[in-house]
C-alpha atoms as a PDB file:
ATOM      1  CA  MET A   1      14.145  27.941 -11.083  1.00  0.00           C
ATOM      2  CA  VAL A   2      13.976  25.106  -9.239  1.00  0.00           C
ATOM      3  CA  ARG A   3      11.638  22.480 -10.367  1.00  0.00           C
ATOM      4  CA  ILE A   4       9.599  20.050  -8.817  1.00  0.00           C
ATOM      5  CA  LEU A   5       8.349  17.395 -10.460  1.00  0.00           C
ATOM      6  CA  LEU A   6       5.269  15.719  -9.135  1.00  0.00           C
ATOM      7  CA  THR A   7       3.606  12.822 -10.006  1.00  0.00           C
ATOM      8  CA  THR A   8       0.936  11.003  -7.500  1.00  0.00           C
ATOM      9  CA  THR A   9      -2.820  11.486  -9.353  1.00  0.00           C
ATOM     10  CA  SER A  10      -4.398  11.786  -5.650  1.00  0.00           C
ATOM     11  CA  TYR A  11      -2.184  14.626  -4.966  1.00  0.00           C
ATOM     12  CA  GLN A  12      -3.348  16.517  -7.898  1.00  0.00           C
ATOM     13  CA  ASP A  13      -6.850  15.550  -7.503  1.00  0.00           C
ATOM     14  CA  THR A  14      -8.197  16.384  -4.156  1.00  0.00           C
ATOM     15  CA  PRO A  15      -7.902  20.007  -3.142  1.00  0.00           C
ATOM     16  CA  GLY A  16      -6.859  21.000  -0.139  1.00  0.00           C
ATOM     17  CA  PRO A  17      -4.092  23.599   1.764  1.00  0.00           C
ATOM     18  CA  HIS A  18      -1.055  21.290   0.984  1.00  0.00           C
ATOM     19  CA  HIS A  19      -1.751  22.460  -3.104  1.00  0.00           C
ATOM     20  CA  ASP A  20      -1.376  26.559  -1.350  1.00  0.00           C
ATOM     21  CA  LEU A  21       2.110  25.003   0.420  1.00  0.00           C
ATOM     22  CA  LEU A  22       2.987  23.786  -2.086  1.00  0.00           C
ATOM     23  CA  ALA A  23       2.858  26.974  -4.436  1.00  0.00           C
ATOM     24  CA  SER A  24       4.712  28.681  -1.045  1.00  0.00           C
ATOM     25  CA  SER A  25       7.760  27.291  -2.583  1.00  0.00           C
ATOM     26  CA  GLY A  26       8.106  29.733  -5.597  1.00  0.00           C
ATOM     27  CA  ALA A  27       9.371  26.273  -7.609  1.00  0.00           C
ATOM     28  CA  GLU A  28       8.467  25.597 -10.701  1.00  0.00           C
ATOM     29  CA  VAL A  29       6.225  22.603 -10.079  1.00  0.00           C
ATOM     30  CA  VAL A  30       5.548  19.960 -13.700  1.00  0.00           C
ATOM     31  CA  CYS A  31       3.070  17.579 -12.970  1.00  0.00           C
ATOM     32  CA  ALA A  32       2.386  14.393 -14.317  1.00  0.00           C
ATOM     33  CA  ARG A  33      -0.090  11.404 -13.740  1.00  0.00           C
ATOM     34  CA  GLY A  34       2.219   8.523 -12.333  1.00  0.00           C
ATOM     35  CA  PRO A  35       2.054   6.492 -11.221  1.00  0.00           C
ATOM     36  CA  LEU A  36       4.731   6.311 -14.255  1.00  0.00           C
ATOM     37  CA  SER A  37       7.376   2.925 -15.338  1.00  0.00           C
ATOM     38  CA  GLU A  38      11.016   2.967 -15.316  1.00  0.00           C
ATOM     39  CA  LYS A  39      10.592   4.993 -19.592  1.00  0.00           C
ATOM     40  CA  SER A  40       8.560   7.763 -18.620  1.00  0.00           C
ATOM     41  CA  MET A  41      10.723   8.325 -15.769  1.00  0.00           C
ATOM     42  CA  LEU A  42      13.213   8.289 -18.286  1.00  0.00           C
ATOM     43  CA  LYS A  43      11.421  10.602 -20.413  1.00  0.00           C
ATOM     44  CA  TYR A  44      11.710  13.453 -17.373  1.00  0.00           C
ATOM     45  CA  ALA A  45      14.787  12.639 -15.561  1.00  0.00           C
ATOM     46  CA  GLY A  46      17.382  15.571 -15.730  1.00  0.00           C
ATOM     47  CA  ASP A  47      15.153  18.401 -15.973  1.00  0.00           C
ATOM     48  CA  TYR A  48      14.384  18.211 -11.749  1.00  0.00           C
ATOM     49  CA  ASP A  49      15.547  19.215  -9.096  1.00  0.00           C
ATOM     50  CA  ALA A  50      13.355  17.843  -6.833  1.00  0.00           C
ATOM     51  CA  PHE A  51      10.834  14.582  -6.836  1.00  0.00           C
ATOM     52  CA  LEU A  52       7.562  14.472  -5.329  1.00  0.00           C
ATOM     53  CA  CYS A  53       6.491  10.983  -5.756  1.00  0.00           C
ATOM     54  CA  GLY A  54       4.135   8.592  -5.865  1.00  0.00           C
ATOM     55  CA  ASP A  55       4.937   4.982  -6.579  1.00  0.00           C
ATOM     56  CA  ASP A  56       6.485   5.871  -9.855  1.00  0.00           C
ATOM     57  CA  ALA A  57       9.675   3.303 -10.593  1.00  0.00           C
ATOM     58  CA  ILE A  58      12.782   5.752  -9.548  1.00  0.00           C
ATOM     59  CA  SER A  59      15.114   2.623  -9.760  1.00  0.00           C
ATOM     60  CA  GLN A  60      19.052   3.276 -10.729  1.00  0.00           C
ATOM     61  CA  ALA A  61      18.681   4.230 -14.138  1.00  0.00           C
ATOM     62  CA  VAL A  62      16.401   7.076 -13.580  1.00  0.00           C
ATOM     63  CA  ILE A  63      18.794   7.765 -10.608  1.00  0.00           C
ATOM     64  CA  GLU A  64      21.940   7.834 -12.921  1.00  0.00           C
ATOM     65  CA  LYS A  65      20.137  10.117 -15.683  1.00  0.00           C
ATOM     66  CA  ALA A  66      18.488  12.672 -13.208  1.00  0.00           C
ATOM     67  CA  LEU A  67      22.173  13.434 -11.654  1.00  0.00           C
ATOM     68  CA  PRO A  68      23.818  16.078 -11.289  1.00  0.00           C
ATOM     69  CA  ARG A  69      20.748  17.846 -10.837  1.00  0.00           C
ATOM     70  CA  LEU A  70      18.379  16.047  -8.681  1.00  0.00           C
ATOM     71  CA  LYS A  71      18.778  17.039  -4.910  1.00  0.00           C
ATOM     72  CA  ILE A  72      15.703  15.250  -3.452  1.00  0.00           C
ATOM     73  CA  ILE A  73      13.470  12.573  -3.441  1.00  0.00           C
ATOM     74  CA  ALA A  74      10.090  13.553  -1.367  1.00  0.00           C
ATOM     75  CA  LYS A  75       7.353  10.285  -0.794  1.00  0.00           C
ATOM     76  CA  TYR A  76       4.341  10.593  -0.710  1.00  0.00           C
ATOM     77  CA  GLY A  77       3.281   7.495   1.195  1.00  0.00           C
ATOM     78  CA  ILE A  78       4.807   4.946   3.113  1.00  0.00           C
ATOM     79  CA  GLY A  79       6.072   2.450   0.802  1.00  0.00           C
ATOM     80  CA  VAL A  80       9.442   3.175  -0.891  1.00  0.00           C
ATOM     81  CA  ASP A  81      10.616  -0.647  -2.347  1.00  0.00           C
ATOM     82  CA  LYS A  82       9.322   1.168  -5.880  1.00  0.00           C
ATOM     83  CA  ILE A  83      12.342   2.929  -5.248  1.00  0.00           C
ATOM     84  CA  ASP A  84      16.319   2.293  -5.641  1.00  0.00           C
ATOM     85  CA  VAL A  85      16.406   3.889  -1.528  1.00  0.00           C
ATOM     86  CA  ASP A  86      20.456   2.179  -1.941  1.00  0.00           C
ATOM     87  CA  TYR A  87      21.517   3.467  -4.661  1.00  0.00           C
ATOM     88  CA  ALA A  88      19.931   7.329  -3.743  1.00  0.00           C
ATOM     89  CA  THR A  89      21.818   7.231  -0.516  1.00  0.00           C
ATOM     90  CA  ASP A  90      25.519   6.260  -2.813  1.00  0.00           C
ATOM     91  CA  ARG A  91      24.735   9.277  -4.598  1.00  0.00           C
ATOM     92  CA  GLY A  92      23.875  11.259  -1.515  1.00  0.00           C
ATOM     93  CA  ILE A  93      20.324  11.870  -2.157  1.00  0.00           C
ATOM     94  CA  PRO A  94      17.848  12.048   0.905  1.00  0.00           C
ATOM     95  CA  VAL A  95      14.658   9.782   0.686  1.00  0.00           C
ATOM     96  CA  ALA A  96      11.775  11.018   3.296  1.00  0.00           C
ATOM     97  CA  PHE A  97       8.333   9.341   3.420  1.00  0.00           C
ATOM     98  CA  THR A  98       5.683  10.104   4.939  1.00  0.00           C
ATOM     99  CA  PRO A  99       4.264   7.051   7.726  1.00  0.00           C
ATOM    100  CA  GLY A 100       1.662   7.412  10.044  1.00  0.00           C
ATOM    101  CA  VAL A 101      -0.789   9.095   7.634  1.00  0.00           C
ATOM    102  CA  ASN A 102      -2.744   6.730   6.145  1.00  0.00           C
ATOM    103  CA  HIS A 103      -3.509   3.509   8.523  1.00  0.00           C
ATOM    104  CA  THR A 104      -7.026   4.386   9.357  1.00  0.00           C
ATOM    105  CA  THR A 105      -8.195   4.605   5.838  1.00  0.00           C
ATOM    106  CA  VAL A 106      -6.060   1.190   4.968  1.00  0.00           C
ATOM    107  CA  ALA A 107      -7.706  -0.358   8.034  1.00  0.00           C
ATOM    108  CA  GLU A 108     -11.327   0.221   7.028  1.00  0.00           C
ATOM    109  CA  HIS A 109     -10.241  -0.395   2.910  1.00  0.00           C
ATOM    110  CA  CYS A 110      -9.800  -4.049   4.093  1.00  0.00           C
ATOM    111  CA  PHE A 111     -12.579  -4.534   6.800  1.00  0.00           C
ATOM    112  CA  MET A 112     -14.695  -3.507   3.286  1.00  0.00           C
ATOM    113  CA  LEU A 113     -13.140  -6.135   1.649  1.00  0.00           C
ATOM    114  CA  MET A 114     -13.531  -8.561   4.539  1.00  0.00           C
ATOM    115  CA  LEU A 115     -17.659  -7.736   4.987  1.00  0.00           C
ATOM    116  CA  ALA A 116     -17.981  -7.014   1.047  1.00  0.00           C
ATOM    117  CA  LEU A 117     -16.488 -10.416  -0.038  1.00  0.00           C
ATOM    118  CA  SER A 118     -18.472 -12.337   3.153  1.00  0.00           C
ATOM    119  CA  LYS A 119     -21.207 -11.095   2.309  1.00  0.00           C
ATOM    120  CA  LYS A 120     -21.663 -11.795  -1.794  1.00  0.00           C
ATOM    121  CA  LEU A 121     -22.067  -7.701  -1.948  1.00  0.00           C
ATOM    122  CA  ILE A 122     -21.144  -6.929  -5.151  1.00  0.00           C
ATOM    123  CA  GLU A 123     -22.596 -10.026  -6.702  1.00  0.00           C
ATOM    124  CA  HIS A 124     -26.057  -8.830  -4.756  1.00  0.00           C
ATOM    125  CA  VAL A 125     -25.821  -5.652  -6.002  1.00  0.00           C
ATOM    126  CA  GLU A 126     -25.500  -6.983  -9.369  1.00  0.00           C
ATOM    127  CA  TRP A 127     -28.126  -9.097  -9.536  1.00  0.00           C
ATOM    128  CA  THR A 128     -30.237  -6.267  -8.159  1.00  0.00           C
ATOM    129  CA  LYS A 129     -29.683  -4.185 -10.887  1.00  0.00           C
ATOM    130  CA  GLN A 130     -30.543  -6.445 -14.109  1.00  0.00           C
ATOM    131  CA  GLY A 131     -33.877  -6.974 -12.494  1.00  0.00           C
ATOM    132  CA  LEU A 132     -32.644 -10.070 -10.054  1.00  0.00           C
ATOM    133  CA  TRP A 133     -34.007 -11.208  -6.906  1.00  0.00           C
ATOM    134  CA  LYS A 134     -31.123 -13.459  -6.260  1.00  0.00           C
ATOM    135  CA  ARG A 135     -30.117 -14.312  -2.921  1.00  0.00           C
ATOM    136  CA  GLU A 136     -26.881 -16.560  -1.544  1.00  0.00           C
ATOM    137  CA  THR A 137     -26.064 -16.419   1.839  1.00  0.00           C
ATOM    138  CA  GLY A 138     -23.056 -14.965   3.281  1.00  0.00           C
ATOM    139  CA  ASN A 139     -21.192 -15.679   6.799  1.00  0.00           C
ATOM    140  CA  GLU A 140     -20.243 -13.649   9.492  1.00  0.00           C
ATOM    141  CA  ILE A 141     -17.324 -12.241  10.590  1.00  0.00           C
ATOM    142  CA  ALA A 142     -18.084 -11.882  13.760  1.00  0.00           C
ATOM    143  CA  GLY A 143     -16.713 -15.505  15.939  1.00  0.00           C
ATOM    144  CA  LYS A 144     -14.312 -15.889  12.839  1.00  0.00           C
ATOM    145  CA  THR A 145     -10.725 -15.811  13.253  1.00  0.00           C
ATOM    146  CA  LEU A 146      -8.369 -12.933  11.781  1.00  0.00           C
ATOM    147  CA  GLY A 147      -4.515 -14.079  10.781  1.00  0.00           C
ATOM    148  CA  ILE A 148      -2.190 -10.569  10.161  1.00  0.00           C
ATOM    149  CA  ILE A 149       1.126 -10.794   8.612  1.00  0.00           C
ATOM    150  CA  GLY A 150       3.009  -7.500  10.036  1.00  0.00           C
ATOM    151  CA  LEU A 151       1.744  -5.765  13.013  1.00  0.00           C
ATOM    152  CA  GLY A 152       2.836  -2.276  11.990  1.00  0.00           C
ATOM    153  CA  ARG A 153       0.848   0.953  12.560  1.00  0.00           C
ATOM    154  CA  ILE A 154      -1.613  -0.722   9.624  1.00  0.00           C
ATOM    155  CA  GLY A 155      -1.712  -3.801  11.232  1.00  0.00           C
ATOM    156  CA  ARG A 156      -2.391  -3.066  14.253  1.00  0.00           C
ATOM    157  CA  GLU A 157      -5.399  -0.704  13.427  1.00  0.00           C
ATOM    158  CA  MET A 158      -7.317  -3.847  11.803  1.00  0.00           C
ATOM    159  CA  ALA A 159      -6.749  -5.461  15.288  1.00  0.00           C
ATOM    160  CA  ILE A 160      -8.186  -3.090  17.477  1.00  0.00           C
ATOM    161  CA  ARG A 161     -11.428  -3.103  14.189  1.00  0.00           C
ATOM    162  CA  ALA A 162     -11.229  -6.667  14.923  1.00  0.00           C
ATOM    163  CA  ASN A 163     -11.943  -6.830  19.107  1.00  0.00           C
ATOM    164  CA  ALA A 164     -14.769  -4.476  17.467  1.00  0.00           C
ATOM    165  CA  PHE A 165     -15.501  -7.472  15.599  1.00  0.00           C
ATOM    166  CA  GLY A 166     -15.790  -9.744  18.325  1.00  0.00           C
ATOM    167  CA  MET A 167     -12.688 -11.762  16.274  1.00  0.00           C
ATOM    168  CA  LYS A 168      -9.852 -13.739  17.779  1.00  0.00           C
ATOM    169  CA  VAL A 169      -6.577 -11.853  15.935  1.00  0.00           C
ATOM    170  CA  LEU A 170      -3.278 -13.622  15.557  1.00  0.00           C
ATOM    171  CA  ALA A 171      -0.752 -11.970  14.156  1.00  0.00           C
ATOM    172  CA  GLN A 172       3.158 -11.984  13.257  1.00  0.00           C
ATOM    173  CA  ASP A 173       5.943 -10.103  13.592  1.00  0.00           C
ATOM    174  CA  ILE A 174       9.396  -9.563  13.846  1.00  0.00           C
ATOM    175  CA  TYR A 175       9.257  -7.081  16.003  1.00  0.00           C
ATOM    176  CA  TRP A 176       6.925  -7.609  18.662  1.00  0.00           C
ATOM    177  CA  PRO A 177       4.656  -4.643  20.112  1.00  0.00           C
ATOM    178  CA  GLU A 178       5.096  -7.021  23.462  1.00  0.00           C
ATOM    179  CA  ALA A 179       1.728  -4.316  25.458  1.00  0.00           C
ATOM    180  CA  PHE A 180      -0.611  -3.681  22.340  1.00  0.00           C
ATOM    181  CA  ALA A 181      -0.554  -7.193  21.511  1.00  0.00           C
ATOM    182  CA  GLN A 182      -1.683  -7.423  25.567  1.00  0.00           C
ATOM    183  CA  GLU A 183      -3.802  -4.866  25.538  1.00  0.00           C
ATOM    184  CA  HIS A 184      -6.007  -5.878  22.228  1.00  0.00           C
ATOM    185  CA  HIS A 185      -6.576  -9.643  22.991  1.00  0.00           C
ATOM    186  CA  ILE A 186      -3.567 -10.647  19.991  1.00  0.00           C
ATOM    187  CA  THR A 187      -1.763 -14.465  20.348  1.00  0.00           C
ATOM    188  CA  ARG A 188       1.607 -14.187  18.564  1.00  0.00           C
ATOM    189  CA  ILE A 189       2.369 -16.824  16.101  1.00  0.00           C
ATOM    190  CA  GLU A 190       5.739 -17.226  14.986  1.00  0.00           C
ATOM    191  CA  ASN A 191       5.255 -19.738  12.757  1.00  0.00           C
ATOM    192  CA  LEU A 192       3.420 -18.657   9.339  1.00  0.00           C
ATOM    193  CA  ASP A 193       2.036 -22.247   8.639  1.00  0.00           C
ATOM    194  CA  GLN A 194       0.328 -21.883  11.745  1.00  0.00           C
ATOM    195  CA  LEU A 195      -0.986 -18.653  11.063  1.00  0.00           C
ATOM    196  CA  PHE A 196      -1.994 -19.710   7.438  1.00  0.00           C
ATOM    197  CA  SER A 197      -4.539 -22.339   9.023  1.00  0.00           C
ATOM    198  CA  ASP A 198      -5.897 -21.266  12.092  1.00  0.00           C
ATOM    199  CA  SER A 199      -7.603 -18.506  10.089  1.00  0.00           C
ATOM    200  CA  ASP A 200     -10.141 -17.702   8.605  1.00  0.00           C
ATOM    201  CA  PHE A 201      -8.968 -14.041   7.168  1.00  0.00           C
ATOM    202  CA  ILE A 202      -5.550 -13.437   6.478  1.00  0.00           C
ATOM    203  CA  SER A 203      -4.635  -9.654   6.037  1.00  0.00           C
ATOM    204  CA  LEU A 204      -0.760  -9.072   5.061  1.00  0.00           C
ATOM    205  CA  HIS A 205       0.934  -6.134   5.717  1.00  0.00           C
ATOM    206  CA  THR A 206       4.135  -6.872   5.924  1.00  0.00           C
ATOM    207  CA  ASN A 207       7.088  -4.920   3.238  1.00  0.00           C
ATOM    208  CA  LEU A 208       7.655  -5.921  -0.285  1.00  0.00           C
ATOM    209  CA  THR A 209      11.350  -7.150   1.258  1.00  0.00           C
ATOM    210  CA  PRO A 210      13.244  -9.645  -1.507  1.00  0.00           C
ATOM    211  CA  GLU A 211      12.114 -12.216   1.779  1.00  0.00           C
ATOM    212  CA  THR A 212       8.307 -11.392   1.434  1.00  0.00           C
ATOM    213  CA  GLN A 213       8.018 -11.254  -2.430  1.00  0.00           C
ATOM    214  CA  GLY A 214       5.196 -14.344  -3.551  1.00  0.00           C
ATOM    215  CA  LEU A 215       4.940 -14.462   0.207  1.00  0.00           C
ATOM    216  CA  VAL A 216       0.736 -16.568  -0.754  1.00  0.00           C
ATOM    217  CA  ASN A 217       2.036 -19.019  -2.660  1.00  0.00           C
ATOM    218  CA  SER A 218       0.717 -22.638  -2.960  1.00  0.00           C
ATOM    219  CA  ALA A 219       2.050 -23.912  -0.448  1.00  0.00           C
ATOM    220  CA  SER A 220       0.101 -21.635   1.250  1.00  0.00           C
ATOM    221  CA  ILE A 221      -1.745 -21.641   0.469  1.00  0.00           C
ATOM    222  CA  GLN A 222      -2.235 -25.561   1.276  1.00  0.00           C
ATOM    223  CA  GLN A 223      -2.390 -25.027   4.585  1.00  0.00           C
ATOM    224  CA  MET A 224      -5.232 -22.478   4.655  1.00  0.00           C
ATOM    225  CA  LYS A 225      -8.800 -23.164   4.891  1.00  0.00           C
ATOM    226  CA  ASN A 226     -10.642 -23.773   1.463  1.00  0.00           C
ATOM    227  CA  SER A 227     -12.507 -20.963   3.376  1.00  0.00           C
ATOM    228  CA  ALA A 228     -10.107 -18.509   3.969  1.00  0.00           C
ATOM    229  CA  ILE A 229     -10.646 -15.359   2.126  1.00  0.00           C
ATOM    230  CA  LEU A 230      -7.409 -13.501   1.662  1.00  0.00           C
ATOM    231  CA  ILE A 231      -7.043  -9.696   2.098  1.00  0.00           C
ATOM    232  CA  ASN A 232      -3.748  -8.279   0.460  1.00  0.00           C
ATOM    233  CA  CYS A 233      -3.249  -4.343   0.769  1.00  0.00           C
ATOM    234  CA  GLY A 234      -0.047  -4.416   0.834  1.00  0.00           C
ATOM    235  CA  ARG A 235       1.676  -5.048  -2.345  1.00  0.00           C
ATOM    236  CA  GLY A 236       0.671  -6.921  -5.338  1.00  0.00           C
ATOM    237  CA  GLU A 237       4.232  -8.884  -5.431  1.00  0.00           C
ATOM    238  CA  LEU A 238       3.327 -10.664  -1.524  1.00  0.00           C
ATOM    239  CA  VAL A 239       1.079 -12.917  -3.372  1.00  0.00           C
ATOM    240  CA  HIS A 240       1.785 -14.962  -6.133  1.00  0.00           C
ATOM    241  CA  VAL A 241      -0.633 -14.740  -8.888  1.00  0.00           C
ATOM    242  CA  ASP A 242      -1.026 -17.793 -10.579  1.00  0.00           C
ATOM    243  CA  ASP A 243      -1.325 -20.339  -7.060  1.00  0.00           C
ATOM    244  CA  ILE A 244      -4.323 -17.256  -5.976  1.00  0.00           C
ATOM    245  CA  LEU A 245      -6.268 -17.218  -9.912  1.00  0.00           C
ATOM    246  CA  LEU A 246      -5.339 -20.985  -9.113  1.00  0.00           C
ATOM    247  CA  ALA A 247      -6.655 -21.773  -5.985  1.00  0.00           C
ATOM    248  CA  LEU A 248      -9.624 -19.062  -5.956  1.00  0.00           C
ATOM    249  CA  ARG A 249     -10.117 -21.617 -10.197  1.00  0.00           C
ATOM    250  CA  GLY A 250     -10.754 -24.538  -7.806  1.00  0.00           C
ATOM    251  CA  ASN A 251     -12.155 -23.668  -4.636  1.00  0.00           C
ATOM    252  CA  THR A 252      -9.595 -24.246  -2.701  1.00  0.00           C
ATOM    253  CA  LEU A 253      -9.232 -20.159  -1.042  1.00  0.00           C
ATOM    254  CA  GLY A 254     -12.907 -18.725  -0.662  1.00  0.00           C
ATOM    255  CA  GLY A 255     -12.014 -15.109  -1.954  1.00  0.00           C
ATOM    256  CA  TYR A 256      -9.184 -13.262  -2.104  1.00  0.00           C
ATOM    257  CA  GLY A 257      -9.984  -8.778  -2.314  1.00  0.00           C
ATOM    258  CA  ALA A 258      -7.175  -6.565  -2.814  1.00  0.00           C
ATOM    259  CA  ASP A 259      -6.133  -2.932  -3.383  1.00  0.00           C
ATOM    260  CA  VAL A 260      -3.091  -4.247  -4.888  1.00  0.00           C
ATOM    261  CA  LEU A 261      -1.837  -6.169  -7.908  1.00  0.00           C
ATOM    262  CA  ASP A 262       2.026  -7.196  -9.222  1.00  0.00           C
ATOM    263  CA  VAL A 263       1.577  -4.865 -12.378  1.00  0.00           C
ATOM    264  CA  GLU A 264      -0.029  -1.304 -11.859  1.00  0.00           C
ATOM    265  CA  PRO A 265      -1.883   0.392 -14.216  1.00  0.00           C
ATOM    266  CA  ALA A 266      -3.602  -3.305 -14.435  1.00  0.00           C
ATOM    267  CA  ASP A 267      -4.422  -4.442 -18.210  1.00  0.00           C
ATOM    268  CA  ALA A 268      -8.038  -5.543 -18.381  1.00  0.00           C
ATOM    269  CA  ASP A 269      -6.864  -9.145 -18.948  1.00  0.00           C
ATOM    270  CA  HIS A 270      -5.641  -9.035 -15.806  1.00  0.00           C
ATOM    271  CA  PRO A 271      -6.098 -12.821 -14.840  1.00  0.00           C
ATOM    272  CA  LEU A 272      -7.789 -11.941 -11.155  1.00  0.00           C
ATOM    273  CA  LEU A 273     -10.372  -9.169 -12.144  1.00  0.00           C
ATOM    274  CA  SER A 274     -12.102 -11.909 -13.807  1.00  0.00           C
ATOM    275  CA  ALA A 275     -11.898 -14.421 -11.200  1.00  0.00           C
ATOM    276  CA  PRO A 276     -13.901 -15.726  -9.223  1.00  0.00           C
ATOM    277  CA  ASN A 277     -14.440 -14.590  -5.319  1.00  0.00           C
ATOM    278  CA  CYS A 278     -11.794 -11.836  -6.419  1.00  0.00           C
ATOM    279  CA  LEU A 279     -12.771  -8.227  -5.243  1.00  0.00           C
ATOM    280  CA  ILE A 280      -9.990  -5.931  -7.084  1.00  0.00           C
ATOM    281  CA  THR A 281      -9.650  -1.798  -6.174  1.00  0.00           C
ATOM    282  CA  PRO A 282      -7.514   0.118  -8.156  1.00  0.00           C
ATOM    283  CA  HIS A 283      -4.343   0.897  -5.544  1.00  0.00           C
ATOM    284  CA  ILE A 284      -7.372   3.707  -3.477  1.00  0.00           C
ATOM    285  CA  GLY A 285      -7.282   2.167   0.362  1.00  0.00           C
ATOM    286  CA  SER A 286      -5.467   5.578   1.467  1.00  0.00           C
ATOM    287  CA  ARG A 287      -7.319   7.443  -1.147  1.00  0.00           C
ATOM    288  CA  THR A 288      -9.446   9.981   1.389  1.00  0.00           C
ATOM    289  CA  HIS A 289     -10.292  12.959   1.581  1.00  0.00           C
ATOM    290  CA  GLU A 290      -8.708  12.733   5.125  1.00  0.00           C
ATOM    291  CA  SER A 291      -5.229  10.893   4.191  1.00  0.00           C
ATOM    292  CA  VAL A 292      -5.024  12.020   1.251  1.00  0.00           C
ATOM    293  CA  ILE A 293      -4.473  15.569   2.520  1.00  0.00           C
ATOM    294  CA  ARG A 294      -2.145  13.858   5.515  1.00  0.00           C
ATOM    295  CA  GLN A 295      -0.166  12.670   3.480  1.00  0.00           C
ATOM    296  CA  ALA A 296       0.596  15.811   0.568  1.00  0.00           C
ATOM    297  CA  THR A 297       0.332  17.965   3.658  1.00  0.00           C
ATOM    298  CA  LYS A 298       3.517  15.624   5.279  1.00  0.00           C
ATOM    299  CA  ALA A 299       4.820  14.780   1.451  1.00  0.00           C
ATOM    300  CA  THR A 300       4.872  18.245   0.906  1.00  0.00           C
ATOM    301  CA  GLU A 301       6.783  19.770   4.645  1.00  0.00           C
ATOM    302  CA  ASN A 302       9.319  17.036   4.166  1.00  0.00           C
ATOM    303  CA  LEU A 303      10.167  18.285   0.241  1.00  0.00           C
ATOM    304  CA  LEU A 304      10.375  22.403   1.741  1.00  0.00           C
ATOM    305  CA  LEU A 305      12.665  21.439   4.645  1.00  0.00           C
ATOM    306  CA  LEU A 306      14.596  19.153   2.204  1.00  0.00           C
ATOM    307  CA  LEU A 307      14.774  22.696  -0.622  1.00  0.00           C
ATOM    308  CA  ARG A 308      15.701  24.753   2.778  1.00  0.00           C
ATOM    309  CA  GLY A 309      18.236  22.805   3.361  1.00  0.00           C
ATOM    310  CA  GLU A 310      16.672  21.663   6.740  1.00  0.00           C
ATOM    311  CA  SER A 311      16.039  17.681   7.881  1.00  0.00           C
ATOM    312  CA  PRO A 312      12.847  16.786   6.594  1.00  0.00           C
ATOM    313  CA  HIS A 313       9.691  14.372   9.505  1.00  0.00           C
ATOM    314  CA  ALA A 314      10.799  11.494   8.520  1.00  0.00           C
ATOM    315  CA  GLN A 315      13.324  10.784   6.228  1.00  0.00           C
ATOM    316  CA  VAL A 316      14.349   6.587   5.081  1.00  0.00           C
ATOM    317  CA  ASN A 317      18.242   7.044   4.488  1.00  0.00           C
ATOM    318  CA  ASP A 318      20.906   8.658   6.129  1.00  0.00           C
ATOM    319  CA  CYS A 319      21.635  11.388   4.153  1.00  0.00           C
ATOM    320  CA  GLN A 320      21.855  14.741   4.743  1.00  0.00           C
ATOM    321  CA  PRO A 321      19.995  17.411   3.459  1.00  0.00           C
ATOM    322  CA  PRO A 322      21.078  19.081   0.053  1.00  0.00           C
ATOM    323  CA  LYS A 323      22.205  23.263  -0.125  1.00  0.00           C
ATOM    324  CA  ALA A 324      19.391  25.394   0.824  1.00  0.00           C
ATOM    325  CA  LEU A 325      17.851  25.621  -3.092  1.00  0.00           C
ATOM    326  CA  ILE A 326      15.180  28.202  -1.919  1.00  0.00           C
END
């Protein structure tokens, strides 16, 4: 019998038609609670024909151990930086993914963090719970400048919402969507230093690559206004954690809101969890009922297509589907 390892928890925890769709494969589905480390993945590798994964570490070592049985990697989500795609390609394993399913909810999450930091929402809620009528003065986001790094699907949704809030929008991206930028009044900034210096809010939506790892560090923070608020719903490794921490403690960064960390799940003593003017959520930016069902359905459809020897809706690498398994 075909065996599938399912590791994404939001898929498992959210009711929806994706469960029946997966069951229709007739395969044996084994569930684990991800995201799994390389060490944990190595314990499972070797016994499965397909991985239906989230942000689990699927390294070369994992793929090596999973062979020759592993034929398919179906990613629930967009980012594939945790998967050794090059090695999977070398071994002829197609890697499917689900672009275009979570840009709305992630953009909403970014604005939630922006507004919460600007209005000091969490502090005021906690003070009120304690019976304190303590009030501090926040800031509007109307009239402020939002700098967007990465103008893909999520970055574009950010621009649309920024316009609605009356913000000025700056953006940087190698692949510039000229028509969209003109329609939504986005100013192109090619020099990141200028984007850092001119923005009141900065939101990161670029892929994690060797070039973008540590993109925000002490040097880039020095270019920012001391009041600037940085939002990261991309990848934790896009920022240098120690530099963010130092800037928050030294009041040279106005705030940091993130849905991602360099290590996930985070240990209770992760320094950013207790940093001033810092809000961290547990990678839930795309975890809404609407988005989960879209992602899970698309990921499952990709998986079933590949199991039948057909091409998926979207694939990261250039590998032929395996011989039909169901």
